[in-house]
Amino acid sequence: MLAVFAEDIEWIIPGEGLPVAGTYRGHSALADFFQKVLEMMEFSSFEARGFVAEGDRVLVVDVINQTSTGVSSTCSCCSWLHRPNI
């Protein structure tokens, strides 16, 4: 999966005090992030619902259904900002 990301990726998760919050730089750090998330949550679906492009950036609005510590939830406010490796 890491092959789809630039080797110098910077993945930022805001949220002071959240277990996975922080800045992850490079493939190794991103792999660590995904490992943390998979240890904490189980995902049943992921659906990209919208895309907004401006210049060299694309905002992806998605819906994620997940279970964490036995509680199921749906997150429909997640957004990712992608910037191609130009």
PDB file of N, CA and C in Angstrom:
ATOM      1  N   MET A   1       0.807  -1.193   0.000  1.00  0.00           N
ATOM      2  CA  MET A   1       0.000   0.000   0.000  1.00  0.00           C
ATOM      3  C   MET A   1       0.855   1.264   0.000  1.00  0.00           C
ATOM      4  N   LEU A   2       2.005   1.223   0.613  1.00  0.00           N
ATOM      5  CA  LEU A   2       2.849   2.416   0.683  1.00  0.00           C
ATOM      6  C   LEU A   2       3.310   2.894  -0.681  1.00  0.00           C
ATOM      7  N   ALA A   3       3.294   2.026  -1.659  1.00  0.00           N
ATOM      8  CA  ALA A   3       3.768   2.385  -2.999  1.00  0.00           C
ATOM      9  C   ALA A   3       2.946   3.500  -3.636  1.00  0.00           C
ATOM     10  N   VAL A   4       1.710   3.701  -3.191  1.00  0.00           N
ATOM     11  CA  VAL A   4       0.880   4.753  -3.783  1.00  0.00           C
ATOM     12  C   VAL A   4       1.194   6.130  -3.197  1.00  0.00           C
ATOM     13  N   PHE A   5       2.030   6.175  -2.164  1.00  0.00           N
ATOM     14  CA  PHE A   5       2.393   7.432  -1.535  1.00  0.00           C
ATOM     15  C   PHE A   5       3.829   7.809  -1.902  1.00  0.00           C
ATOM     16  N   ALA A   6       4.076   9.102  -2.023  1.00  0.00           N
ATOM     17  CA  ALA A   6       5.431   9.588  -2.280  1.00  0.00           C
ATOM     18  C   ALA A   6       6.341   9.161  -1.130  1.00  0.00           C
ATOM     19  N   GLU A   7       7.585   8.852  -1.435  1.00  0.00           N
ATOM     20  CA  GLU A   7       8.531   8.420  -0.399  1.00  0.00           C
ATOM     21  C   GLU A   7       8.741   9.482   0.675  1.00  0.00           C
ATOM     22  N   ASP A   8       8.567  10.750   0.303  1.00  0.00           N
ATOM     23  CA  ASP A   8       8.754  11.833   1.265  1.00  0.00           C
ATOM     24  C   ASP A   8       7.418  12.368   1.802  1.00  0.00           C
ATOM     25  N   ILE A   9       6.407  11.493   1.838  1.00  0.00           N
ATOM     26  CA  ILE A   9       5.080  11.899   2.295  1.00  0.00           C
ATOM     27  C   ILE A   9       5.130  12.508   3.691  1.00  0.00           C
ATOM     28  N   GLU A  10       4.278  13.485   3.916  1.00  0.00           N
ATOM     29  CA  GLU A  10       4.073  14.048   5.242  1.00  0.00           C
ATOM     30  C   GLU A  10       2.584  13.903   5.541  1.00  0.00           C
ATOM     31  N   TRP A  11       2.243  13.038   6.488  1.00  0.00           N
ATOM     32  CA  TRP A  11       0.865  12.708   6.834  1.00  0.00           C
ATOM     33  C   TRP A  11       0.613  13.304   8.213  1.00  0.00           C
ATOM     34  N   ILE A  12      -0.310  14.255   8.300  1.00  0.00           N
ATOM     35  CA  ILE A  12      -0.549  14.964   9.549  1.00  0.00           C
ATOM     36  C   ILE A  12      -1.927  14.594  10.090  1.00  0.00           C
ATOM     37  N   ILE A  13      -1.955  14.129  11.342  1.00  0.00           N
ATOM     38  CA  ILE A  13      -3.200  13.807  12.024  1.00  0.00           C
ATOM     39  C   ILE A  13      -3.336  14.783  13.194  1.00  0.00           C
ATOM     40  N   PRO A  14      -4.268  15.751  13.073  1.00  0.00           N
ATOM     41  CA  PRO A  14      -4.445  16.699  14.167  1.00  0.00           C
ATOM     42  C   PRO A  14      -5.184  16.045  15.335  1.00  0.00           C
ATOM     43  N   GLY A  15      -5.135  16.671  16.477  1.00  0.00           N
ATOM     44  CA  GLY A  15      -5.892  16.181  17.616  1.00  0.00           C
ATOM     45  C   GLY A  15      -5.036  15.936  18.831  1.00  0.00           C
ATOM     46  N   GLU A  16      -4.739  16.976  19.545  1.00  0.00           N
ATOM     47  CA  GLU A  16      -3.902  16.861  20.738  1.00  0.00           C
ATOM     48  C   GLU A  16      -4.495  15.819  21.690  1.00  0.00           C
ATOM     49  N   GLY A  17      -3.670  14.892  22.118  1.00  0.00           N
ATOM     50  CA  GLY A  17      -4.111  13.868  23.046  1.00  0.00           C
ATOM     51  C   GLY A  17      -4.655  12.602  22.397  1.00  0.00           C
ATOM     52  N   LEU A  18      -4.905  12.623  21.102  1.00  0.00           N
ATOM     53  CA  LEU A  18      -5.365  11.412  20.418  1.00  0.00           C
ATOM     54  C   LEU A  18      -4.191  10.448  20.256  1.00  0.00           C
ATOM     55  N   PRO A  19      -4.427   9.152  20.387  1.00  0.00           N
ATOM     56  CA  PRO A  19      -3.325   8.176  20.328  1.00  0.00           C
ATOM     57  C   PRO A  19      -2.534   8.179  19.019  1.00  0.00           C
ATOM     58  N   VAL A  20      -3.169   8.550  17.910  1.00  0.00           N
ATOM     59  CA  VAL A  20      -2.460   8.525  16.620  1.00  0.00           C
ATOM     60  C   VAL A  20      -2.150   9.920  16.095  1.00  0.00           C
ATOM     61  N   ALA A  21      -2.435  10.951  16.881  1.00  0.00           N
ATOM     62  CA  ALA A  21      -2.157  12.321  16.437  1.00  0.00           C
ATOM     63  C   ALA A  21      -0.663  12.520  16.270  1.00  0.00           C
ATOM     64  N   GLY A  22      -0.314  13.316  15.273  1.00  0.00           N
ATOM     65  CA  GLY A  22       1.093  13.626  15.055  1.00  0.00           C
ATOM     66  C   GLY A  22       1.406  13.797  13.593  1.00  0.00           C
ATOM     67  N   THR A  23       2.648  14.003  13.299  1.00  0.00           N
ATOM     68  CA  THR A  23       3.125  14.157  11.929  1.00  0.00           C
ATOM     69  C   THR A  23       3.994  12.953  11.600  1.00  0.00           C
ATOM     70  N   TYR A  24       3.660  12.286  10.516  1.00  0.00           N
ATOM     71  CA  TYR A  24       4.362  11.086  10.076  1.00  0.00           C
ATOM     72  C   TYR A  24       5.056  11.405   8.757  1.00  0.00           C
ATOM     73  N   ARG A  25       6.372  11.267   8.727  1.00  0.00           N
ATOM     74  CA  ARG A  25       7.152  11.606   7.534  1.00  0.00           C
ATOM     75  C   ARG A  25       7.824  10.362   6.975  1.00  0.00           C
ATOM     76  N   GLY A  26       7.577  10.102   5.695  1.00  0.00           N
ATOM     77  CA  GLY A  26       8.206   8.971   5.018  1.00  0.00           C
ATOM     78  C   GLY A  26       7.417   7.677   5.172  1.00  0.00           C
ATOM     79  N   HIS A  27       7.788   6.708   4.356  1.00  0.00           N
ATOM     80  CA  HIS A  27       7.094   5.424   4.326  1.00  0.00           C
ATOM     81  C   HIS A  27       7.143   4.686   5.662  1.00  0.00           C
ATOM     82  N   SER A  28       8.267   4.688   6.320  1.00  0.00           N
ATOM     83  CA  SER A  28       8.408   3.956   7.575  1.00  0.00           C
ATOM     84  C   SER A  28       7.474   4.513   8.646  1.00  0.00           C
ATOM     85  N   ALA A  29       7.437   5.822   8.775  1.00  0.00           N
ATOM     86  CA  ALA A  29       6.571   6.453   9.762  1.00  0.00           C
ATOM     87  C   ALA A  29       5.102   6.240   9.414  1.00  0.00           C
ATOM     88  N   LEU A  30       4.769   6.289   8.124  1.00  0.00           N
ATOM     89  CA  LEU A  30       3.390   6.063   7.702  1.00  0.00           C
ATOM     90  C   LEU A  30       2.973   4.623   7.992  1.00  0.00           C
ATOM     91  N   ALA A  31       3.862   3.678   7.789  1.00  0.00           N
ATOM     92  CA  ALA A  31       3.582   2.274   8.108  1.00  0.00           C
ATOM     93  C   ALA A  31       3.319   2.133   9.608  1.00  0.00           C
ATOM     94  N   ASP A  32       4.082   2.834  10.426  1.00  0.00           N
ATOM     95  CA  ASP A  32       3.856   2.814  11.876  1.00  0.00           C
ATOM     96  C   ASP A  32       2.466   3.359  12.216  1.00  0.00           C
ATOM     97  N   PHE A  33       2.072   4.449  11.547  1.00  0.00           N
ATOM     98  CA  PHE A  33       0.744   5.026  11.767  1.00  0.00           C
ATOM     99  C   PHE A  33      -0.346   4.009  11.438  1.00  0.00           C
ATOM    100  N   PHE A  34      -0.266   3.393  10.259  1.00  0.00           N
ATOM    101  CA  PHE A  34      -1.291   2.426   9.863  1.00  0.00           C
ATOM    102  C   PHE A  34      -1.333   1.243  10.826  1.00  0.00           C
ATOM    103  N   GLN A  35      -0.194   0.815  11.321  1.00  0.00           N
ATOM    104  CA  GLN A  35      -0.152  -0.291  12.279  1.00  0.00           C
ATOM    105  C   GLN A  35      -0.876   0.092  13.567  1.00  0.00           C
ATOM    106  N   LYS A  36      -0.641   1.316  14.053  1.00  0.00           N
ATOM    107  CA  LYS A  36      -1.326   1.795  15.262  1.00  0.00           C
ATOM    108  C   LYS A  36      -2.834   1.789  15.061  1.00  0.00           C
ATOM    109  N   VAL A  37      -3.262   2.323  13.915  1.00  0.00           N
ATOM    110  CA  VAL A  37      -4.695   2.408  13.626  1.00  0.00           C
ATOM    111  C   VAL A  37      -5.313   1.011  13.567  1.00  0.00           C
ATOM    112  N   LEU A  38      -4.650   0.082  12.890  1.00  0.00           N
ATOM    113  CA  LEU A  38      -5.190  -1.275  12.764  1.00  0.00           C
ATOM    114  C   LEU A  38      -5.242  -2.001  14.106  1.00  0.00           C
ATOM    115  N   GLU A  39      -4.349  -1.658  15.023  1.00  0.00           N
ATOM    116  CA  GLU A  39      -4.379  -2.254  16.353  1.00  0.00           C
ATOM    117  C   GLU A  39      -5.533  -1.711  17.190  1.00  0.00           C
ATOM    118  N   MET A  40      -5.993  -0.496  16.881  1.00  0.00           N
ATOM    119  CA  MET A  40      -7.040   0.154  17.660  1.00  0.00           C
ATOM    120  C   MET A  40      -8.436  -0.033  17.081  1.00  0.00           C
ATOM    121  N   MET A  41      -8.538  -0.202  15.764  1.00  0.00           N
ATOM    122  CA  MET A  41      -9.838  -0.178  15.099  1.00  0.00           C
ATOM    123  C   MET A  41      -9.976  -1.290  14.077  1.00  0.00           C
ATOM    124  N   GLU A  42     -11.218  -1.648  13.821  1.00  0.00           N
ATOM    125  CA  GLU A  42     -11.539  -2.569  12.738  1.00  0.00           C
ATOM    126  C   GLU A  42     -12.471  -1.825  11.784  1.00  0.00           C
ATOM    127  N   PHE A  43     -12.122  -1.807  10.517  1.00  0.00           N
ATOM    128  CA  PHE A  43     -12.892  -1.060   9.531  1.00  0.00           C
ATOM    129  C   PHE A  43     -13.785  -2.003   8.733  1.00  0.00           C
ATOM    130  N   SER A  44     -15.062  -1.638   8.604  1.00  0.00           N
ATOM    131  CA  SER A  44     -15.975  -2.455   7.810  1.00  0.00           C
ATOM    132  C   SER A  44     -16.222  -1.855   6.437  1.00  0.00           C
ATOM    133  N   SER A  45     -16.019  -0.547   6.294  1.00  0.00           N
ATOM    134  CA  SER A  45     -16.154   0.056   4.964  1.00  0.00           C
ATOM    135  C   SER A  45     -15.459   1.411   4.919  1.00  0.00           C
ATOM    136  N   PHE A  46     -15.104   1.795   3.721  1.00  0.00           N
ATOM    137  CA  PHE A  46     -14.488   3.086   3.453  1.00  0.00           C
ATOM    138  C   PHE A  46     -14.999   3.524   2.091  1.00  0.00           C
ATOM    139  N   GLU A  47     -15.606   4.702   2.024  1.00  0.00           N
ATOM    140  CA  GLU A  47     -16.180   5.166   0.763  1.00  0.00           C
ATOM    141  C   GLU A  47     -15.846   6.633   0.545  1.00  0.00           C
ATOM    142  N   ALA A  48     -15.198   6.923  -0.562  1.00  0.00           N
ATOM    143  CA  ALA A  48     -14.940   8.315  -0.938  1.00  0.00           C
ATOM    144  C   ALA A  48     -16.233   8.877  -1.519  1.00  0.00           C
ATOM    145  N   ARG A  49     -16.739   9.960  -0.937  1.00  0.00           N
ATOM    146  CA  ARG A  49     -18.020  10.517  -1.363  1.00  0.00           C
ATOM    147  C   ARG A  49     -17.892  11.785  -2.191  1.00  0.00           C
ATOM    148  N   GLY A  50     -16.759  12.440  -2.113  1.00  0.00           N
ATOM    149  CA  GLY A  50     -16.630  13.676  -2.862  1.00  0.00           C
ATOM    150  C   GLY A  50     -15.184  14.089  -3.020  1.00  0.00           C
ATOM    151  N   PHE A  51     -14.941  14.839  -4.081  1.00  0.00           N
ATOM    152  CA  PHE A  51     -13.598  15.322  -4.394  1.00  0.00           C
ATOM    153  C   PHE A  51     -13.697  16.787  -4.783  1.00  0.00           C
ATOM    154  N   VAL A  52     -12.796  17.594  -4.260  1.00  0.00           N
ATOM    155  CA  VAL A  52     -12.724  18.996  -4.632  1.00  0.00           C
ATOM    156  C   VAL A  52     -11.279  19.271  -5.028  1.00  0.00           C
ATOM    157  N   ALA A  53     -11.087  19.685  -6.272  1.00  0.00           N
ATOM    158  CA  ALA A  53      -9.736  19.954  -6.765  1.00  0.00           C
ATOM    159  C   ALA A  53      -9.515  21.449  -6.895  1.00  0.00           C
ATOM    160  N   GLU A  54      -8.333  21.881  -6.487  1.00  0.00           N
ATOM    161  CA  GLU A  54      -7.935  23.269  -6.646  1.00  0.00           C
ATOM    162  C   GLU A  54      -6.433  23.298  -6.853  1.00  0.00           C
ATOM    163  N   GLY A  55      -6.015  23.729  -8.015  1.00  0.00           N
ATOM    164  CA  GLY A  55      -4.593  23.739  -8.319  1.00  0.00           C
ATOM    165  C   GLY A  55      -4.024  22.332  -8.268  1.00  0.00           C
ATOM    166  N   ASP A  56      -2.961  22.144  -7.473  1.00  0.00           N
ATOM    167  CA  ASP A  56      -2.325  20.825  -7.392  1.00  0.00           C
ATOM    168  C   ASP A  56      -2.774  20.051  -6.154  1.00  0.00           C
ATOM    169  N   ARG A  57      -3.913  20.422  -5.578  1.00  0.00           N
ATOM    170  CA  ARG A  57      -4.412  19.762  -4.372  1.00  0.00           C
ATOM    171  C   ARG A  57      -5.799  19.180  -4.611  1.00  0.00           C
ATOM    172  N   VAL A  58      -6.070  18.054  -3.943  1.00  0.00           N
ATOM    173  CA  VAL A  58      -7.380  17.427  -4.018  1.00  0.00           C
ATOM    174  C   VAL A  58      -7.831  17.092  -2.602  1.00  0.00           C
ATOM    175  N   LEU A  59      -9.015  17.563  -2.240  1.00  0.00           N
ATOM    176  CA  LEU A  59      -9.624  17.258  -0.958  1.00  0.00           C
ATOM    177  C   LEU A  59     -10.579  16.091  -1.169  1.00  0.00           C
ATOM    178  N   VAL A  60     -10.446  15.040  -0.361  1.00  0.00           N
ATOM    179  CA  VAL A  60     -11.303  13.864  -0.460  1.00  0.00           C
ATOM    180  C   VAL A  60     -12.176  13.811   0.785  1.00  0.00           C
ATOM    181  N   VAL A  61     -13.477  13.802   0.582  1.00  0.00           N
ATOM    182  CA  VAL A  61     -14.426  13.663   1.683  1.00  0.00           C
ATOM    183  C   VAL A  61     -14.872  12.210   1.685  1.00  0.00           C
ATOM    184  N   ASP A  62     -14.730  11.542   2.831  1.00  0.00           N
ATOM    185  CA  ASP A  62     -15.010  10.117   2.868  1.00  0.00           C
ATOM    186  C   ASP A  62     -15.902   9.741   4.043  1.00  0.00           C
ATOM    187  N   VAL A  63     -16.433   8.524   3.976  1.00  0.00           N
ATOM    188  CA  VAL A  63     -17.238   7.960   5.049  1.00  0.00           C
ATOM    189  C   VAL A  63     -16.579   6.651   5.459  1.00  0.00           C
ATOM    190  N   ILE A  64     -16.328   6.506   6.756  1.00  0.00           N
ATOM    191  CA  ILE A  64     -15.676   5.311   7.281  1.00  0.00           C
ATOM    192  C   ILE A  64     -16.587   4.697   8.343  1.00  0.00           C
ATOM    193  N   ASN A  65     -16.842   3.403   8.221  1.00  0.00           N
ATOM    194  CA  ASN A  65     -17.539   2.658   9.273  1.00  0.00           C
ATOM    195  C   ASN A  65     -16.485   1.846  10.004  1.00  0.00           C
ATOM    196  N   GLN A  66     -16.455   1.985  11.319  1.00  0.00           N
ATOM    197  CA  GLN A  66     -15.387   1.364  12.100  1.00  0.00           C
ATOM    198  C   GLN A  66     -15.915   0.859  13.432  1.00  0.00           C
ATOM    199  N   THR A  67     -15.158  -0.034  14.024  1.00  0.00           N
ATOM    200  CA  THR A  67     -15.429  -0.501  15.381  1.00  0.00           C
ATOM    201  C   THR A  67     -14.164  -0.297  16.189  1.00  0.00           C
ATOM    202  N   SER A  68     -14.323   0.328  17.340  1.00  0.00           N
ATOM    203  CA  SER A  68     -13.185   0.575  18.219  1.00  0.00           C
ATOM    204  C   SER A  68     -13.602   0.223  19.633  1.00  0.00           C
ATOM    205  N   THR A  69     -12.862  -0.614  20.271  1.00  0.00           N
ATOM    206  CA  THR A  69     -13.149  -1.109  21.622  1.00  0.00           C
ATOM    207  C   THR A  69     -14.606  -1.555  21.772  1.00  0.00           C
ATOM    208  N   GLY A  70     -15.101  -2.286  20.752  1.00  0.00           N
ATOM    209  CA  GLY A  70     -16.436  -2.866  20.813  1.00  0.00           C
ATOM    210  C   GLY A  70     -17.574  -1.929  20.476  1.00  0.00           C
ATOM    211  N   VAL A  71     -17.283  -0.677  20.137  1.00  0.00           N
ATOM    212  CA  VAL A  71     -18.320   0.291  19.814  1.00  0.00           C
ATOM    213  C   VAL A  71     -18.227   0.636  18.333  1.00  0.00           C
ATOM    214  N   SER A  72     -19.338   0.432  17.597  1.00  0.00           N
ATOM    215  CA  SER A  72     -19.361   0.756  16.166  1.00  0.00           C
ATOM    216  C   SER A  72     -19.704   2.223  15.973  1.00  0.00           C
ATOM    217  N   SER A  73     -19.101   2.825  14.967  1.00  0.00           N
ATOM    218  CA  SER A  73     -19.402   4.219  14.664  1.00  0.00           C
ATOM    219  C   SER A  73     -19.198   4.480  13.187  1.00  0.00           C
ATOM    220  N   THR A  74     -19.813   5.559  12.733  1.00  0.00           N
ATOM    221  CA  THR A  74     -19.630   6.011  11.358  1.00  0.00           C
ATOM    222  C   THR A  74     -19.060   7.416  11.402  1.00  0.00           C
ATOM    223  N   CYS A  75     -17.969   7.607  10.704  1.00  0.00           N
ATOM    224  CA  CYS A  75     -17.345   8.924  10.614  1.00  0.00           C
ATOM    225  C   CYS A  75     -17.598   9.442   9.207  1.00  0.00           C
ATOM    226  N   SER A  76     -18.326  10.531   9.102  1.00  0.00           N
ATOM    227  CA  SER A  76     -18.620  11.069   7.779  1.00  0.00           C
ATOM    228  C   SER A  76     -18.019  12.449   7.588  1.00  0.00           C
ATOM    229  N   CYS A  77     -17.105  12.821   8.438  1.00  0.00           N
ATOM    230  CA  CYS A  77     -16.524  14.155   8.336  1.00  0.00           C
ATOM    231  C   CYS A  77     -15.027  14.113   8.076  1.00  0.00           C
ATOM    232  N   CYS A  78     -14.536  12.944   7.731  1.00  0.00           N
ATOM    233  CA  CYS A  78     -13.099  12.833   7.465  1.00  0.00           C
ATOM    234  C   CYS A  78     -12.767  13.446   6.120  1.00  0.00           C
ATOM    235  N   SER A  79     -11.707  14.162   6.067  1.00  0.00           N
ATOM    236  CA  SER A  79     -11.253  14.753   4.809  1.00  0.00           C
ATOM    237  C   SER A  79      -9.748  14.630   4.731  1.00  0.00           C
ATOM    238  N   TRP A  80      -9.284  14.299   3.556  1.00  0.00           N
ATOM    239  CA  TRP A  80      -7.851  14.197   3.325  1.00  0.00           C
ATOM    240  C   TRP A  80      -7.471  15.202   2.266  1.00  0.00           C
ATOM    241  N   LEU A  81      -6.341  15.837   2.449  1.00  0.00           N
ATOM    242  CA  LEU A  81      -5.828  16.757   1.446  1.00  0.00           C
ATOM    243  C   LEU A  81      -4.643  16.082   0.765  1.00  0.00           C
ATOM    244  N   HIS A  82      -4.787  15.834  -0.512  1.00  0.00           N
ATOM    245  CA  HIS A  82      -3.745  15.165  -1.278  1.00  0.00           C
ATOM    246  C   HIS A  82      -3.035  16.192  -2.156  1.00  0.00           C
ATOM    247  N   ARG A  83      -1.760  16.060  -2.229  1.00  0.00           N
ATOM    248  CA  ARG A  83      -0.980  16.921  -3.116  1.00  0.00           C
ATOM    249  C   ARG A  83      -0.025  16.013  -3.871  1.00  0.00           C
ATOM    250  N   PRO A  84      -0.133  16.009  -5.182  1.00  0.00           N
ATOM    251  CA  PRO A  84       0.715  15.095  -5.960  1.00  0.00           C
ATOM    252  C   PRO A  84       2.197  15.423  -5.836  1.00  0.00           C
ATOM    253  N   ASN A  85       3.001  14.409  -6.024  1.00  0.00           N
ATOM    254  CA  ASN A  85       4.452  14.565  -5.983  1.00  0.00           C
ATOM    255  C   ASN A  85       4.895  15.081  -7.360  1.00  0.00           C
ATOM    256  N   ILE A  86       5.006  16.380  -7.474  1.00  0.00           N
ATOM    257  CA  ILE A  86       5.352  16.990  -8.778  1.00  0.00           C
ATOM    258  C   ILE A  86       6.801  17.373  -8.784  1.00  0.00           C
TER     259      ILE A  86
END
